[in-house]
Amino acid sequence: MDTVVQPDPMVVCDPGKLHENGIWGAFDLIVEPVGRWVQQYVLGPEGVFAPEVTWERAGRLVSPTLPGFELDVGTIWEKG
């Protein structure tokens, strides 16, 4: 079964996943403001992408895919 998701902001680091008719494969980072959660997908030893960590409203994301990238998850929903 194929699953199609439409998150709000998302990050895809592998240009090979980008195709004319969409993204093939898992996103590296998804942000879902309505639910106020952030989920990080990581390539596992079996060669399959799976959610490694989910943050709800707070926490610090450090990405193995984006060297040097860190995000205080709570700042996504701050009003400025």
PDB file of N, CA and C in Angstrom:
ATOM      1  N   MET A   1       0.845  -1.187   0.000  1.00  0.00           N
ATOM      2  CA  MET A   1       0.000   0.000   0.000  1.00  0.00           C
ATOM      3  C   MET A   1       0.882   1.239   0.000  1.00  0.00           C
ATOM      4  N   ASP A   2       0.585   2.177  -0.862  1.00  0.00           N
ATOM      5  CA  ASP A   2       1.328   3.426  -0.915  1.00  0.00           C
ATOM      6  C   ASP A   2       0.647   4.456  -0.034  1.00  0.00           C
ATOM      7  N   THR A   3       1.451   5.214   0.704  1.00  0.00           N
ATOM      8  CA  THR A   3       0.918   6.253   1.567  1.00  0.00           C
ATOM      9  C   THR A   3       1.387   7.600   1.063  1.00  0.00           C
ATOM     10  N   VAL A   4       0.469   8.513   0.920  1.00  0.00           N
ATOM     11  CA  VAL A   4       0.806   9.867   0.492  1.00  0.00           C
ATOM     12  C   VAL A   4       0.520  10.792   1.657  1.00  0.00           C
ATOM     13  N   VAL A   5       1.524  11.584   2.051  1.00  0.00           N
ATOM     14  CA  VAL A   5       1.352  12.535   3.142  1.00  0.00           C
ATOM     15  C   VAL A   5       1.602  13.938   2.622  1.00  0.00           C
ATOM     16  N   GLN A   6       0.972  14.917   3.255  1.00  0.00           N
ATOM     17  CA  GLN A   6       1.153  16.305   2.876  1.00  0.00           C
ATOM     18  C   GLN A   6       1.407  17.122   4.133  1.00  0.00           C
ATOM     19  N   PRO A   7       2.615  17.069   4.661  1.00  0.00           N
ATOM     20  CA  PRO A   7       2.935  17.853   5.858  1.00  0.00           C
ATOM     21  C   PRO A   7       3.065  19.325   5.514  1.00  0.00           C
ATOM     22  N   ASP A   8       3.217  20.133   6.509  1.00  0.00           N
ATOM     23  CA  ASP A   8       3.442  21.556   6.298  1.00  0.00           C
ATOM     24  C   ASP A   8       4.900  21.710   5.856  1.00  0.00           C
ATOM     25  N   PRO A   9       5.777  22.416   6.577  1.00  0.00           N
ATOM     26  CA  PRO A   9       7.180  22.478   6.149  1.00  0.00           C
ATOM     27  C   PRO A   9       7.842  21.099   6.202  1.00  0.00           C
ATOM     28  N   MET A  10       8.705  20.839   5.246  1.00  0.00           N
ATOM     29  CA  MET A  10       9.425  19.567   5.203  1.00  0.00           C
ATOM     30  C   MET A  10      10.792  19.785   4.595  1.00  0.00           C
ATOM     31  N   VAL A  11      11.709  18.867   4.898  1.00  0.00           N
ATOM     32  CA  VAL A  11      13.065  18.929   4.361  1.00  0.00           C
ATOM     33  C   VAL A  11      13.376  17.593   3.703  1.00  0.00           C
ATOM     34  N   VAL A  12      13.896  17.649   2.488  1.00  0.00           N
ATOM     35  CA  VAL A  12      14.373  16.465   1.773  1.00  0.00           C
ATOM     36  C   VAL A  12      15.802  16.776   1.352  1.00  0.00           C
ATOM     37  N   CYS A  13      16.762  16.027   1.860  1.00  0.00           N
ATOM     38  CA  CYS A  13      18.176  16.304   1.589  1.00  0.00           C
ATOM     39  C   CYS A  13      18.711  15.578   0.358  1.00  0.00           C
ATOM     40  N   ASP A  14      18.073  14.500  -0.039  1.00  0.00           N
ATOM     41  CA  ASP A  14      18.551  13.695  -1.161  1.00  0.00           C
ATOM     42  C   ASP A  14      17.846  14.129  -2.449  1.00  0.00           C
ATOM     43  N   PRO A  15      18.554  14.821  -3.365  1.00  0.00           N
ATOM     44  CA  PRO A  15      17.917  15.259  -4.602  1.00  0.00           C
ATOM     45  C   PRO A  15      17.388  14.104  -5.452  1.00  0.00           C
ATOM     46  N   GLY A  16      17.887  12.898  -5.227  1.00  0.00           N
ATOM     47  CA  GLY A  16      17.402  11.735  -5.961  1.00  0.00           C
ATOM     48  C   GLY A  16      15.962  11.377  -5.628  1.00  0.00           C
ATOM     49  N   LYS A  17      15.432  11.903  -4.536  1.00  0.00           N
ATOM     50  CA  LYS A  17      14.035  11.657  -4.161  1.00  0.00           C
ATOM     51  C   LYS A  17      13.065  12.599  -4.869  1.00  0.00           C
ATOM     52  N   LEU A  18      13.594  13.645  -5.496  1.00  0.00           N
ATOM     53  CA  LEU A  18      12.745  14.652  -6.125  1.00  0.00           C
ATOM     54  C   LEU A  18      12.455  14.266  -7.571  1.00  0.00           C
ATOM     55  N   HIS A  19      11.178  14.132  -7.891  1.00  0.00           N
ATOM     56  CA  HIS A  19      10.744  13.743  -9.229  1.00  0.00           C
ATOM     57  C   HIS A  19       9.675  14.716  -9.711  1.00  0.00           C
ATOM     58  N   GLU A  20       9.399  14.710 -10.999  1.00  0.00           N
ATOM     59  CA  GLU A  20       8.425  15.628 -11.572  1.00  0.00           C
ATOM     60  C   GLU A  20       7.051  15.510 -10.918  1.00  0.00           C
ATOM     61  N   ASN A  21       6.677  14.309 -10.522  1.00  0.00           N
ATOM     62  CA  ASN A  21       5.349  14.097  -9.953  1.00  0.00           C
ATOM     63  C   ASN A  21       5.360  13.992  -8.430  1.00  0.00           C
ATOM     64  N   GLY A  22       6.429  14.438  -7.775  1.00  0.00           N
ATOM     65  CA  GLY A  22       6.448  14.454  -6.317  1.00  0.00           C
ATOM     66  C   GLY A  22       7.753  13.946  -5.736  1.00  0.00           C
ATOM     67  N   ILE A  23       7.716  13.664  -4.452  1.00  0.00           N
ATOM     68  CA  ILE A  23       8.880  13.171  -3.710  1.00  0.00           C
ATOM     69  C   ILE A  23       8.707  11.678  -3.498  1.00  0.00           C
ATOM     70  N   TRP A  24       9.710  10.925  -3.881  1.00  0.00           N
ATOM     71  CA  TRP A  24       9.673   9.479  -3.704  1.00  0.00           C
ATOM     72  C   TRP A  24      10.577   9.122  -2.539  1.00  0.00           C
ATOM     73  N   GLY A  25       9.998   8.668  -1.454  1.00  0.00           N
ATOM     74  CA  GLY A  25      10.767   8.301  -0.267  1.00  0.00           C
ATOM     75  C   GLY A  25      10.374   9.150   0.920  1.00  0.00           C
ATOM     76  N   ALA A  26      11.034   8.895   2.004  1.00  0.00           N
ATOM     77  CA  ALA A  26      10.723   9.592   3.253  1.00  0.00           C
ATOM     78  C   ALA A  26      11.386  10.963   3.299  1.00  0.00           C
ATOM     79  N   PHE A  27      10.735  11.893   3.955  1.00  0.00           N
ATOM     80  CA  PHE A  27      11.317  13.207   4.205  1.00  0.00           C
ATOM     81  C   PHE A  27      12.378  13.069   5.291  1.00  0.00           C
ATOM     82  N   ASP A  28      13.328  13.977   5.328  1.00  0.00           N
ATOM     83  CA  ASP A  28      14.327  13.971   6.395  1.00  0.00           C
ATOM     84  C   ASP A  28      13.804  14.697   7.635  1.00  0.00           C
ATOM     85  N   LEU A  29      12.926  15.653   7.424  1.00  0.00           N
ATOM     86  CA  LEU A  29      12.357  16.422   8.539  1.00  0.00           C
ATOM     87  C   LEU A  29      10.970  16.884   8.136  1.00  0.00           C
ATOM     88  N   ILE A  30      10.000  16.685   9.018  1.00  0.00           N
ATOM     89  CA  ILE A  30       8.617  17.104   8.788  1.00  0.00           C
ATOM     90  C   ILE A  30       8.177  17.951   9.966  1.00  0.00           C
ATOM     91  N   VAL A  31       7.487  19.047   9.693  1.00  0.00           N
ATOM     92  CA  VAL A  31       6.909  19.874  10.751  1.00  0.00           C
ATOM     93  C   VAL A  31       5.409  19.933  10.515  1.00  0.00           C
ATOM     94  N   GLU A  32       4.628  19.623  11.524  1.00  0.00           N
ATOM     95  CA  GLU A  32       3.175  19.608  11.435  1.00  0.00           C
ATOM     96  C   GLU A  32       2.615  20.592  12.455  1.00  0.00           C
ATOM     97  N   PRO A  33       2.444  21.909  12.078  1.00  0.00           N
ATOM     98  CA  PRO A  33       2.000  22.932  13.057  1.00  0.00           C
ATOM     99  C   PRO A  33       0.665  22.648  13.722  1.00  0.00           C
ATOM    100  N   VAL A  34      -0.296  22.045  12.991  1.00  0.00           N
ATOM    101  CA  VAL A  34      -1.608  21.818  13.604  1.00  0.00           C
ATOM    102  C   VAL A  34      -1.484  20.906  14.818  1.00  0.00           C
ATOM    103  N   GLY A  35      -0.749  19.828  14.680  1.00  0.00           N
ATOM    104  CA  GLY A  35      -0.545  18.910  15.795  1.00  0.00           C
ATOM    105  C   GLY A  35       0.581  19.338  16.713  1.00  0.00           C
ATOM    106  N   ARG A  36       1.358  20.322  16.263  1.00  0.00           N
ATOM    107  CA  ARG A  36       2.512  20.837  17.010  1.00  0.00           C
ATOM    108  C   ARG A  36       3.492  19.735  17.394  1.00  0.00           C
ATOM    109  N   TRP A  37       3.929  19.021  16.379  1.00  0.00           N
ATOM    110  CA  TRP A  37       4.954  18.012  16.593  1.00  0.00           C
ATOM    111  C   TRP A  37       5.935  18.036  15.436  1.00  0.00           C
ATOM    112  N   VAL A  38       7.154  17.567  15.715  1.00  0.00           N
ATOM    113  CA  VAL A  38       8.211  17.467  14.713  1.00  0.00           C
ATOM    114  C   VAL A  38       8.698  16.025  14.741  1.00  0.00           C
ATOM    115  N   GLN A  39       8.865  15.449  13.567  1.00  0.00           N
ATOM    116  CA  GLN A  39       9.302  14.057  13.483  1.00  0.00           C
ATOM    117  C   GLN A  39      10.526  13.981  12.588  1.00  0.00           C
ATOM    118  N   GLN A  40      11.548  13.280  13.042  1.00  0.00           N
ATOM    119  CA  GLN A  40      12.797  13.134  12.290  1.00  0.00           C
ATOM    120  C   GLN A  40      12.913  11.702  11.795  1.00  0.00           C
ATOM    121  N   TYR A  41      13.068  11.554  10.477  1.00  0.00           N
ATOM    122  CA  TYR A  41      13.261  10.235   9.869  1.00  0.00           C
ATOM    123  C   TYR A  41      14.742   9.999   9.650  1.00  0.00           C
ATOM    124  N   VAL A  42      15.189   8.783   9.954  1.00  0.00           N
ATOM    125  CA  VAL A  42      16.600   8.425   9.822  1.00  0.00           C
ATOM    126  C   VAL A  42      16.687   7.075   9.108  1.00  0.00           C
ATOM    127  N   LEU A  43      17.686   6.944   8.232  1.00  0.00           N
ATOM    128  CA  LEU A  43      17.901   5.684   7.526  1.00  0.00           C
ATOM    129  C   LEU A  43      18.471   4.661   8.496  1.00  0.00           C
ATOM    130  N   GLY A  44      17.736   3.579   8.687  1.00  0.00           N
ATOM    131  CA  GLY A  44      18.160   2.535   9.616  1.00  0.00           C
ATOM    132  C   GLY A  44      19.107   1.540   8.982  1.00  0.00           C
ATOM    133  N   PRO A  45      19.646   0.625   9.781  1.00  0.00           N
ATOM    134  CA  PRO A  45      20.615  -0.353   9.281  1.00  0.00           C
ATOM    135  C   PRO A  45      20.034  -1.296   8.225  1.00  0.00           C
ATOM    136  N   GLU A  46      18.696  -1.427   8.187  1.00  0.00           N
ATOM    137  CA  GLU A  46      18.055  -2.286   7.188  1.00  0.00           C
ATOM    138  C   GLU A  46      17.853  -1.562   5.859  1.00  0.00           C
ATOM    139  N   GLY A  47      18.277  -0.285   5.793  1.00  0.00           N
ATOM    140  CA  GLY A  47      18.116   0.497   4.575  1.00  0.00           C
ATOM    141  C   GLY A  47      16.735   1.100   4.413  1.00  0.00           C
ATOM    142  N   VAL A  48      16.005   1.216   5.519  1.00  0.00           N
ATOM    143  CA  VAL A  48      14.647   1.757   5.491  1.00  0.00           C
ATOM    144  C   VAL A  48      14.591   3.011   6.346  1.00  0.00           C
ATOM    145  N   PHE A  49      13.926   4.055   5.822  1.00  0.00           N
ATOM    146  CA  PHE A  49      13.736   5.268   6.603  1.00  0.00           C
ATOM    147  C   PHE A  49      12.580   5.060   7.570  1.00  0.00           C
ATOM    148  N   ALA A  50      12.780   5.503   8.788  1.00  0.00           N
ATOM    149  CA  ALA A  50      11.739   5.378   9.810  1.00  0.00           C
ATOM    150  C   ALA A  50      11.855   6.556  10.766  1.00  0.00           C
ATOM    151  N   PRO A  51      10.730   6.926  11.401  1.00  0.00           N
ATOM    152  CA  PRO A  51      10.812   8.015  12.371  1.00  0.00           C
ATOM    153  C   PRO A  51      11.671   7.596  13.551  1.00  0.00           C
ATOM    154  N   GLU A  52      12.717   8.373  13.822  1.00  0.00           N
ATOM    155  CA  GLU A  52      13.620   8.064  14.927  1.00  0.00           C
ATOM    156  C   GLU A  52      13.158   8.755  16.198  1.00  0.00           C
ATOM    157  N   VAL A  53      12.763  10.007  16.048  1.00  0.00           N
ATOM    158  CA  VAL A  53      12.380  10.802  17.206  1.00  0.00           C
ATOM    159  C   VAL A  53      11.181  11.655  16.838  1.00  0.00           C
ATOM    160  N   THR A  54      10.257  11.809  17.771  1.00  0.00           N
ATOM    161  CA  THR A  54       9.149  12.745  17.617  1.00  0.00           C
ATOM    162  C   THR A  54       9.179  13.688  18.813  1.00  0.00           C
ATOM    163  N   TRP A  55       9.143  14.983  18.509  1.00  0.00           N
ATOM    164  CA  TRP A  55       9.100  15.990  19.579  1.00  0.00           C
ATOM    165  C   TRP A  55       7.724  16.601  19.575  1.00  0.00           C
ATOM    166  N   GLU A  56       7.143  16.758  20.732  1.00  0.00           N
ATOM    167  CA  GLU A  56       5.852  17.413  20.853  1.00  0.00           C
ATOM    168  C   GLU A  56       6.035  18.708  21.618  1.00  0.00           C
ATOM    169  N   ARG A  57       5.967  19.809  20.886  1.00  0.00           N
ATOM    170  CA  ARG A  57       5.996  21.167  21.413  1.00  0.00           C
ATOM    171  C   ARG A  57       7.338  21.649  21.933  1.00  0.00           C
ATOM    172  N   ALA A  58       8.238  20.767  22.338  1.00  0.00           N
ATOM    173  CA  ALA A  58       9.521  21.215  22.890  1.00  0.00           C
ATOM    174  C   ALA A  58      10.582  20.140  22.684  1.00  0.00           C
ATOM    175  N   GLY A  59      11.832  20.553  22.773  1.00  0.00           N
ATOM    176  CA  GLY A  59      12.955  19.633  22.646  1.00  0.00           C
ATOM    177  C   GLY A  59      13.981  20.188  21.672  1.00  0.00           C
ATOM    178  N   ARG A  60      15.118  19.532  21.576  1.00  0.00           N
ATOM    179  CA  ARG A  60      16.191  19.980  20.690  1.00  0.00           C
ATOM    180  C   ARG A  60      16.474  18.904  19.662  1.00  0.00           C
ATOM    181  N   LEU A  61      16.293  19.280  18.397  1.00  0.00           N
ATOM    182  CA  LEU A  61      16.545  18.383  17.287  1.00  0.00           C
ATOM    183  C   LEU A  61      17.977  18.595  16.808  1.00  0.00           C
ATOM    184  N   VAL A  62      18.759  17.532  16.763  1.00  0.00           N
ATOM    185  CA  VAL A  62      20.105  17.555  16.186  1.00  0.00           C
ATOM    186  C   VAL A  62      20.072  16.535  15.052  1.00  0.00           C
ATOM    187  N   SER A  63      20.337  17.005  13.842  1.00  0.00           N
ATOM    188  CA  SER A  63      20.174  16.157  12.670  1.00  0.00           C
ATOM    189  C   SER A  63      21.468  15.474  12.254  1.00  0.00           C
ATOM    190  N   PRO A  64      21.440  14.135  12.080  1.00  0.00           N
ATOM    191  CA  PRO A  64      22.602  13.447  11.533  1.00  0.00           C
ATOM    192  C   PRO A  64      22.711  13.666  10.020  1.00  0.00           C
ATOM    193  N   THR A  65      21.625  14.065   9.395  1.00  0.00           N
ATOM    194  CA  THR A  65      21.586  14.277   7.951  1.00  0.00           C
ATOM    195  C   THR A  65      22.082  15.661   7.561  1.00  0.00           C
ATOM    196  N   LEU A  66      21.849  16.642   8.427  1.00  0.00           N
ATOM    197  CA  LEU A  66      22.241  18.028   8.163  1.00  0.00           C
ATOM    198  C   LEU A  66      23.309  18.425   9.168  1.00  0.00           C
ATOM    199  N   PRO A  67      24.580  18.153   8.901  1.00  0.00           N
ATOM    200  CA  PRO A  67      25.638  18.454   9.865  1.00  0.00           C
ATOM    201  C   PRO A  67      25.597  19.913  10.321  1.00  0.00           C
ATOM    202  N   GLY A  68      25.638  20.099  11.627  1.00  0.00           N
ATOM    203  CA  GLY A  68      25.626  21.436  12.209  1.00  0.00           C
ATOM    204  C   GLY A  68      24.235  22.008  12.417  1.00  0.00           C
ATOM    205  N   PHE A  69      23.202  21.311  11.947  1.00  0.00           N
ATOM    206  CA  PHE A  69      21.841  21.812  12.102  1.00  0.00           C
ATOM    207  C   PHE A  69      21.275  21.392  13.453  1.00  0.00           C
ATOM    208  N   GLU A  70      20.835  22.377  14.209  1.00  0.00           N
ATOM    209  CA  GLU A  70      20.140  22.130  15.471  1.00  0.00           C
ATOM    210  C   GLU A  70      18.927  23.031  15.511  1.00  0.00           C
ATOM    211  N   LEU A  71      17.851  22.555  16.118  1.00  0.00           N
ATOM    212  CA  LEU A  71      16.617  23.318  16.177  1.00  0.00           C
ATOM    213  C   LEU A  71      15.973  23.161  17.545  1.00  0.00           C
ATOM    214  N   ASP A  72      15.675  24.282  18.192  1.00  0.00           N
ATOM    215  CA  ASP A  72      14.868  24.257  19.400  1.00  0.00           C
ATOM    216  C   ASP A  72      13.430  24.174  18.918  1.00  0.00           C
ATOM    217  N   VAL A  73      12.827  22.993  19.021  1.00  0.00           N
ATOM    218  CA  VAL A  73      11.523  22.719  18.452  1.00  0.00           C
ATOM    219  C   VAL A  73      10.465  23.714  18.927  1.00  0.00           C
ATOM    220  N   GLY A  74      10.528  24.156  20.158  1.00  0.00           N
ATOM    221  CA  GLY A  74       9.548  25.095  20.700  1.00  0.00           C
ATOM    222  C   GLY A  74       9.501  26.415  19.964  1.00  0.00           C
ATOM    223  N   THR A  75      10.601  26.809  19.308  1.00  0.00           N
ATOM    224  CA  THR A  75      10.622  28.095  18.616  1.00  0.00           C
ATOM    225  C   THR A  75       9.762  28.094  17.356  1.00  0.00           C
ATOM    226  N   ILE A  76       9.397  26.944  16.851  1.00  0.00           N
ATOM    227  CA  ILE A  76       8.589  26.866  15.642  1.00  0.00           C
ATOM    228  C   ILE A  76       7.217  27.525  15.869  1.00  0.00           C
ATOM    229  N   TRP A  77       6.698  27.382  17.084  1.00  0.00           N
ATOM    230  CA  TRP A  77       5.356  27.867  17.350  1.00  0.00           C
ATOM    231  C   TRP A  77       5.321  29.177  18.127  1.00  0.00           C
ATOM    232  N   GLU A  78       6.487  29.786  18.361  1.00  0.00           N
ATOM    233  CA  GLU A  78       6.516  31.080  19.050  1.00  0.00           C
ATOM    234  C   GLU A  78       5.969  32.143  18.125  1.00  0.00           C
ATOM    235  N   LYS A  79       5.249  33.074  18.696  1.00  0.00           N
ATOM    236  CA  LYS A  79       4.740  34.207  17.911  1.00  0.00           C
ATOM    237  C   LYS A  79       5.674  35.380  18.118  1.00  0.00           C
ATOM    238  N   GLY A  80       6.087  35.989  17.025  1.00  0.00           N
ATOM    239  CA  GLY A  80       7.044  37.079  17.119  1.00  0.00           C
ATOM    240  C   GLY A  80       6.542  38.375  16.561  1.00  0.00           C
TER     241      GLY A  80
END
